[in-house]
Amino acid sequence: MNSKASALACPLPSAAPGSAGEITIEALSLDQHWAALEHLLKIEEWPFIRADLEVSHAQDRAFGLVARRNGEIKGFFTAHNFDDIVYLDLMVVEKSERTNVAMAAELWRCARQEIAKHGFRAQVAHCTNDSAPLLRLFGFTTSSSFTLVRREVLGAQRHAAPLAFLDHTALADLVELDAQVFGVRRESWISHLLGQPSTRFVGRYEAGHLTASVCLRTRRDNSLCIDAANSHDFQALVGLLDTVFAGLPDSRFECFVKTDSALHQYFLGNGFVVPEFFTPIGPLDELRLGAEHQVGSAANVYALAWL
């Protein structure tokens, strides 16, 4: 990510005139800035870890920004792409800075310059109900929503057959099924996830064909996030998830699931609940801007698979 710093379109540093203390914007470096970013994420109770940002910024046109006031990091913005679609994955500003719009305005100004420089044809974001109105002012429209659900450890007896996790030998199968469901080929994304020690894939094969797959990504507090739950057959997906839950009874699970979908109902029937912190800010609205596209919007996209 450091190699992208010199290419930022926004002049660095960038100062917001008339603000209470100097605001500067600079390129984000995970090596230099992760401690400050992790602090901001924990304050907001978001479960993301460094590995989430690493796979995001491994994409070819990803970028990130940090905002400082008087030298101290108070906010950040990250984005990555799938082909010509830019995903606005995280924008976090410390609560003490939200009464003064200068911080968010300066971050967003620089981010928009980066988006314009790259020539993206469409933008996608998932926003809480307190941040979505800002993007709607810029012309974004809502397409669907996602709800965070979580289940604590059940501690049931371990399944007799241990789970068989997929490795890079299954890359082509995972990419093909994901492309069919999500709508764009994401070989770089899936390859990087397969290479992360904190991420595991499970799949269900029938007659030599991958019919269902799930990505399990480690998140804060020893949770496993159910991500990219892919299948053309919902019952095949349910069968795979039943196997996952039986094989990992000592795990805490969570998922950003499409609101009111069949998978949402399945989770609710299996002991998942909405975390307390998420209730006043959720669900996440999926907001889109730009050329019409169907990426990530098919009926069998059951879980948030952009981040």
Protein backbone atom coordinates (compact mmCIF):
# COMPACT_ATOMS: atom_id res chain seq x y z
CA MET A 1 0.00 0.00 0.00
CA ASN A 2 2.90 2.36 0.61
CA SER A 3 3.78 2.22 -3.08
CA LYS A 4 0.49 3.96 -3.88
CA ALA A 5 1.13 6.95 -1.65
CA SER A 6 2.95 9.09 -4.21
CA ALA A 7 0.11 8.68 -6.71
CA LEU A 8 -2.59 10.26 -4.54
CA ALA A 9 -4.51 12.96 -6.42
CA CYS A 10 -5.27 15.02 -3.31
CA PRO A 11 -2.38 17.40 -2.48
CA LEU A 12 -0.56 16.26 0.64
CA PRO A 13 -0.78 17.63 3.21
CA SER A 14 -4.25 19.11 2.76
CA ALA A 15 -5.40 21.68 5.32
CA ALA A 16 -9.01 22.64 5.96
CA PRO A 17 -9.18 26.45 6.31
CA GLY A 18 -11.05 27.91 9.25
CA SER A 19 -11.15 24.64 11.17
CA ALA A 20 -10.34 24.26 14.85
CA GLY A 21 -6.77 23.09 14.46
CA GLU A 22 -5.02 22.07 11.28
CA ILE A 23 -6.45 19.05 9.42
CA THR A 24 -4.06 17.18 7.18
CA ILE A 25 -4.78 14.24 4.88
CA GLU A 26 -2.12 11.71 3.93
CA ALA A 27 -1.84 8.32 2.26
CA LEU A 28 -2.67 5.41 4.52
CA SER A 29 0.08 2.94 5.39
CA LEU A 30 -0.96 -0.17 7.30
CA ASP A 31 2.54 -0.59 8.66
CA GLN A 32 2.64 2.96 10.02
CA HIS A 33 -0.99 3.62 10.89
CA TRP A 34 -2.58 0.30 11.90
CA ALA A 35 -2.49 0.96 15.66
CA ALA A 36 -4.48 4.18 15.22
CA LEU A 37 -6.92 2.55 12.79
CA GLU A 38 -7.48 -0.38 15.14
CA HIS A 39 -8.21 2.04 17.98
CA LEU A 40 -10.86 3.83 15.90
CA LEU A 41 -12.46 0.53 14.84
CA LYS A 42 -12.66 -0.69 18.44
CA ILE A 43 -14.30 2.54 19.59
CA GLU A 44 -17.01 1.99 16.96
CA GLU A 45 -17.24 -1.72 17.91
CA TRP A 46 -16.64 -2.78 14.30
CA PRO A 47 -15.24 -6.34 14.23
CA PHE A 48 -12.75 -5.83 11.38
CA ILE A 49 -9.08 -6.78 11.75
CA ARG A 50 -5.92 -5.91 9.85
CA ALA A 51 -6.34 -8.88 7.48
CA ASP A 52 -9.56 -7.30 6.18
CA LEU A 53 -7.73 -4.16 5.13
CA GLU A 54 -4.81 -6.16 3.76
CA VAL A 55 -6.95 -8.05 1.24
CA SER A 56 -8.81 -4.85 0.37
CA HIS A 57 -5.63 -2.96 -0.41
CA ALA A 58 -4.05 -5.82 -2.29
CA GLN A 59 -6.43 -4.96 -5.16
CA ASP A 60 -4.89 -3.14 -8.10
CA ARG A 61 -6.56 0.28 -7.69
CA ALA A 62 -7.12 0.37 -3.94
CA PHE A 63 -6.31 3.48 -1.92
CA GLY A 64 -6.53 4.73 1.64
CA LEU A 65 -6.35 8.05 3.48
CA VAL A 66 -5.80 9.08 7.07
CA ALA A 67 -6.90 12.40 8.55
CA ARG A 68 -4.94 14.13 11.29
CA ARG A 69 -5.81 17.09 13.46
CA ASN A 70 -2.73 18.75 14.90
CA GLY A 71 -0.75 15.62 14.04
CA GLU A 72 -3.04 13.04 15.69
CA ILE A 73 -4.95 10.56 13.54
CA LYS A 74 -8.68 11.17 13.97
CA GLY A 75 -10.16 9.41 10.95
CA PHE A 76 -9.50 7.28 7.90
CA PHE A 77 -10.98 6.22 4.57
CA THR A 78 -10.32 3.07 2.56
CA ALA A 79 -11.54 1.85 -0.82
CA HIS A 80 -10.80 -0.93 -3.28
CA ASN A 81 -12.01 -2.01 -6.69
CA PHE A 82 -13.50 -4.95 -8.49
CA ASP A 83 -12.83 -4.18 -12.16
CA ASP A 84 -14.14 -0.62 -12.75
CA ILE A 85 -16.36 -0.55 -9.66
CA VAL A 86 -14.93 1.18 -6.59
CA TYR A 87 -16.12 -0.05 -3.22
CA LEU A 88 -16.02 2.53 -0.44
CA ASP A 89 -15.24 0.05 2.29
CA LEU A 90 -14.53 2.07 5.45
CA MET A 91 -14.81 5.68 6.56
CA VAL A 92 -14.39 6.16 10.29
CA VAL A 93 -14.11 9.50 12.09
CA GLU A 94 -13.61 9.79 15.83
CA LYS A 95 -16.81 10.79 17.63
CA SER A 96 -15.26 13.95 19.05
CA GLU A 97 -14.71 15.19 15.48
CA ARG A 98 -18.24 14.67 14.19
CA THR A 99 -19.67 17.92 15.52
CA ASN A 100 -17.28 19.74 13.18
CA VAL A 101 -17.87 18.59 9.60
CA ALA A 102 -14.44 19.77 8.42
CA MET A 103 -12.77 16.42 9.12
CA ALA A 104 -15.28 14.29 7.21
CA ALA A 105 -15.57 16.89 4.45
CA GLU A 106 -11.81 16.94 3.90
CA LEU A 107 -11.56 13.14 3.88
CA TRP A 108 -14.44 12.89 1.42
CA ARG A 109 -13.01 15.64 -0.81
CA CYS A 110 -9.71 13.81 -1.16
CA ALA A 111 -11.44 10.46 -1.64
CA ARG A 112 -13.57 11.87 -4.47
CA GLN A 113 -10.44 13.17 -6.16
CA GLU A 114 -8.95 9.68 -6.01
CA ILE A 115 -12.14 8.13 -7.39
CA ALA A 116 -12.20 10.63 -10.27
CA LYS A 117 -8.51 10.07 -11.03
CA HIS A 118 -9.04 6.33 -11.42
CA GLY A 119 -12.03 6.77 -13.72
CA PHE A 120 -14.30 4.27 -11.99
CA ARG A 121 -17.66 3.79 -13.75
CA ALA A 122 -19.62 2.93 -10.60
CA GLN A 123 -19.42 3.24 -6.83
CA VAL A 124 -20.84 1.00 -4.09
CA ALA A 125 -20.96 1.56 -0.33
CA HIS A 126 -22.65 0.05 2.72
CA CYS A 127 -23.63 2.70 5.23
CA THR A 128 -25.16 2.93 8.68
CA ASN A 129 -28.30 4.99 9.02
CA ASP A 130 -26.32 7.98 10.28
CA SER A 131 -23.93 8.06 7.31
CA ALA A 132 -26.18 7.00 4.43
CA PRO A 133 -27.90 10.43 4.10
CA LEU A 134 -24.59 12.03 3.09
CA LEU A 135 -24.14 9.71 0.11
CA ARG A 136 -27.75 10.12 -0.91
CA LEU A 137 -27.05 13.85 -1.21
CA PHE A 138 -24.43 12.91 -3.83
CA GLY A 139 -26.94 10.89 -5.84
CA PHE A 140 -26.41 7.39 -4.41
CA THR A 141 -29.53 5.20 -4.35
CA THR A 142 -30.38 2.25 -2.09
CA SER A 143 -30.50 -1.23 -3.64
CA SER A 144 -30.74 -3.52 -0.59
CA SER A 145 -29.64 -3.78 3.03
CA PHE A 146 -27.57 -6.07 5.25
CA THR A 147 -27.97 -6.89 8.93
CA LEU A 148 -25.20 -8.01 11.26
CA VAL A 149 -26.17 -11.18 13.14
CA ARG A 150 -24.05 -13.06 15.65
CA ARG A 151 -24.17 -16.34 17.59
CA GLU A 152 -22.10 -17.07 20.66
CA VAL A 153 -20.27 -20.35 21.21
CA LEU A 154 -22.66 -23.26 21.67
CA GLY A 155 -20.11 -25.69 23.07
CA ALA A 156 -21.87 -28.68 21.56
CA GLN A 157 -20.09 -31.99 20.98
CA ARG A 158 -17.70 -31.78 18.04
CA HIS A 159 -18.83 -33.30 14.77
CA ALA A 160 -17.37 -36.75 14.13
CA ALA A 161 -15.97 -35.74 10.70
CA PRO A 162 -13.58 -32.76 10.89
CA LEU A 163 -14.13 -30.05 8.31
CA ALA A 164 -12.03 -30.27 5.17
CA PHE A 165 -10.83 -26.78 4.33
CA LEU A 166 -10.08 -25.82 0.73
CA ASP A 167 -6.69 -24.56 -0.42
CA HIS A 168 -5.22 -22.97 -3.56
CA THR A 169 -5.92 -26.14 -5.54
CA ALA A 170 -9.60 -25.12 -5.37
CA LEU A 171 -8.94 -21.55 -6.53
CA ALA A 172 -10.37 -21.99 -10.03
CA ASP A 173 -13.54 -23.62 -8.67
CA LEU A 174 -14.01 -20.92 -6.02
CA VAL A 175 -13.45 -18.09 -8.51
CA GLU A 176 -15.89 -19.60 -11.02
CA LEU A 177 -18.72 -20.13 -8.52
CA ASP A 178 -18.13 -16.69 -6.99
CA ALA A 179 -18.23 -15.07 -10.45
CA GLN A 180 -21.50 -16.81 -11.28
CA VAL A 181 -23.11 -15.58 -8.04
CA PHE A 182 -21.40 -12.23 -7.41
CA GLY A 183 -21.22 -11.15 -11.05
CA VAL A 184 -17.51 -10.44 -11.65
CA ARG A 185 -14.35 -12.57 -11.56
CA ARG A 186 -12.36 -11.89 -8.38
CA GLU A 187 -9.30 -14.12 -8.70
CA SER A 188 -6.99 -11.64 -6.94
CA TRP A 189 -9.45 -11.20 -4.07
CA ILE A 190 -10.03 -14.93 -3.50
CA SER A 191 -6.38 -15.82 -3.99
CA HIS A 192 -5.35 -13.32 -1.29
CA LEU A 193 -8.01 -14.65 1.07
CA LEU A 194 -6.80 -18.22 0.51
CA GLY A 195 -3.31 -17.06 1.44
CA GLN A 196 -4.34 -15.55 4.78
CA PRO A 197 -3.83 -17.71 7.90
CA SER A 198 -6.91 -16.04 9.39
CA THR A 199 -9.21 -17.06 6.51
CA ARG A 200 -10.55 -20.48 5.53
CA PHE A 201 -12.83 -21.74 2.77
CA VAL A 202 -15.17 -24.71 2.93
CA GLY A 203 -17.03 -26.17 0.00
CA ARG A 204 -19.52 -28.79 -1.05
CA TYR A 205 -18.81 -30.84 -4.19
CA GLU A 206 -21.31 -32.91 -6.13
CA ALA A 207 -20.23 -35.02 -9.10
CA GLY A 208 -16.91 -33.18 -9.14
CA HIS A 209 -18.48 -29.70 -9.26
CA LEU A 210 -18.38 -27.11 -6.48
CA THR A 211 -22.04 -26.46 -5.67
CA ALA A 212 -21.66 -24.35 -2.52
CA SER A 213 -18.85 -22.47 -0.80
CA VAL A 214 -18.41 -20.34 2.28
CA CYS A 215 -15.51 -18.12 3.30
CA LEU A 216 -14.80 -18.00 7.06
CA ARG A 217 -12.87 -14.86 8.01
CA THR A 218 -11.50 -14.32 11.50
CA ARG A 219 -12.77 -11.14 13.11
CA ARG A 220 -12.34 -9.53 16.52
CA ASP A 221 -13.13 -11.42 19.73
CA ASN A 222 -12.38 -14.80 18.10
CA SER A 223 -15.38 -14.58 15.81
CA LEU A 224 -15.66 -16.23 12.42
CA CYS A 225 -17.41 -14.08 9.83
CA ILE A 226 -19.45 -16.02 7.28
CA ASP A 227 -18.58 -14.28 4.03
CA ALA A 228 -19.26 -14.96 0.32
CA ALA A 229 -21.85 -17.67 0.97
CA ASN A 230 -22.14 -18.86 -2.64
CA SER A 231 -24.49 -21.36 -4.24
CA HIS A 232 -27.16 -21.61 -6.93
CA ASP A 233 -29.07 -24.00 -4.64
CA PHE A 234 -30.05 -22.61 -1.24
CA GLN A 235 -30.51 -26.08 0.24
CA ALA A 236 -26.96 -26.98 -0.78
CA LEU A 237 -25.77 -23.85 1.03
CA VAL A 238 -27.81 -24.74 4.12
CA GLY A 239 -26.32 -28.24 4.10
CA LEU A 240 -22.82 -26.78 3.96
CA LEU A 241 -23.53 -24.34 6.80
CA ASP A 242 -25.01 -27.14 8.93
CA THR A 243 -21.71 -28.98 8.44
CA VAL A 244 -19.72 -25.87 9.37
CA PHE A 245 -21.66 -25.31 12.58
CA ALA A 246 -21.42 -28.96 13.57
CA GLY A 247 -17.71 -29.06 12.82
CA LEU A 248 -16.84 -25.84 14.66
CA PRO A 249 -19.00 -25.85 17.82
CA ASP A 250 -16.38 -23.88 19.74
CA SER A 251 -16.58 -20.92 17.37
CA ARG A 252 -18.46 -17.64 17.64
CA PHE A 253 -20.09 -16.84 14.29
CA GLU A 254 -21.29 -13.62 12.69
CA CYS A 255 -22.47 -12.51 9.28
CA PHE A 256 -23.57 -9.38 7.46
CA VAL A 257 -26.58 -11.12 5.93
CA LYS A 258 -28.99 -9.69 3.36
CA THR A 259 -31.93 -8.39 5.37
CA ASP A 260 -35.04 -10.61 5.31
CA SER A 261 -33.41 -13.10 2.92
CA ALA A 262 -33.77 -16.86 3.26
CA LEU A 263 -30.30 -16.95 4.84
CA HIS A 264 -31.33 -14.27 7.36
CA GLN A 265 -34.28 -16.43 8.42
CA TYR A 266 -32.05 -19.51 8.59
CA PHE A 267 -29.64 -17.71 10.93
CA LEU A 268 -32.43 -16.44 13.18
CA GLY A 269 -33.72 -20.00 13.43
CA ASN A 270 -30.27 -21.18 14.47
CA GLY A 271 -29.67 -18.90 17.44
CA PHE A 272 -28.23 -15.81 15.74
CA VAL A 273 -29.20 -12.38 17.09
CA VAL A 274 -28.40 -8.77 16.23
CA PRO A 275 -25.56 -7.42 18.43
CA GLU A 276 -26.63 -4.64 20.77
CA PHE A 277 -24.28 -2.02 19.27
CA PHE A 278 -25.67 -2.63 15.77
CA THR A 279 -29.35 -2.16 16.60
CA PRO A 280 -29.41 1.68 16.59
CA ILE A 281 -27.20 2.06 13.49
CA GLY A 282 -28.32 -0.81 11.25
CA PRO A 283 -29.13 -2.27 8.91
CA LEU A 284 -26.40 -1.32 6.45
CA ASP A 285 -27.92 0.24 3.36
CA GLU A 286 -26.27 -0.76 0.10
CA LEU A 287 -25.85 2.44 -1.89
CA ARG A 288 -24.89 2.61 -5.56
CA LEU A 289 -23.90 5.37 -7.95
CA GLY A 290 -22.93 5.35 -11.60
CA ALA A 291 -23.42 3.12 -14.61
CA GLU A 292 -26.03 0.42 -14.21
CA HIS A 293 -24.53 -2.93 -13.24
CA GLN A 294 -25.65 -6.13 -11.59
CA VAL A 295 -22.48 -6.97 -9.68
CA GLY A 296 -23.34 -8.16 -6.18
CA SER A 297 -27.08 -7.70 -6.65
CA ALA A 298 -28.31 -11.14 -7.74
CA ALA A 299 -31.06 -12.85 -5.76
CA ASN A 300 -28.65 -15.52 -4.50
CA VAL A 301 -26.19 -13.00 -3.03
CA TYR A 302 -27.06 -13.76 0.58
CA ALA A 303 -24.20 -12.12 2.47
CA LEU A 304 -22.17 -8.94 2.15
CA ALA A 305 -19.21 -10.00 0.00
CA TRP A 306 -17.61 -6.63 -0.84
CA LEU A 307 -15.34 -6.37 2.22
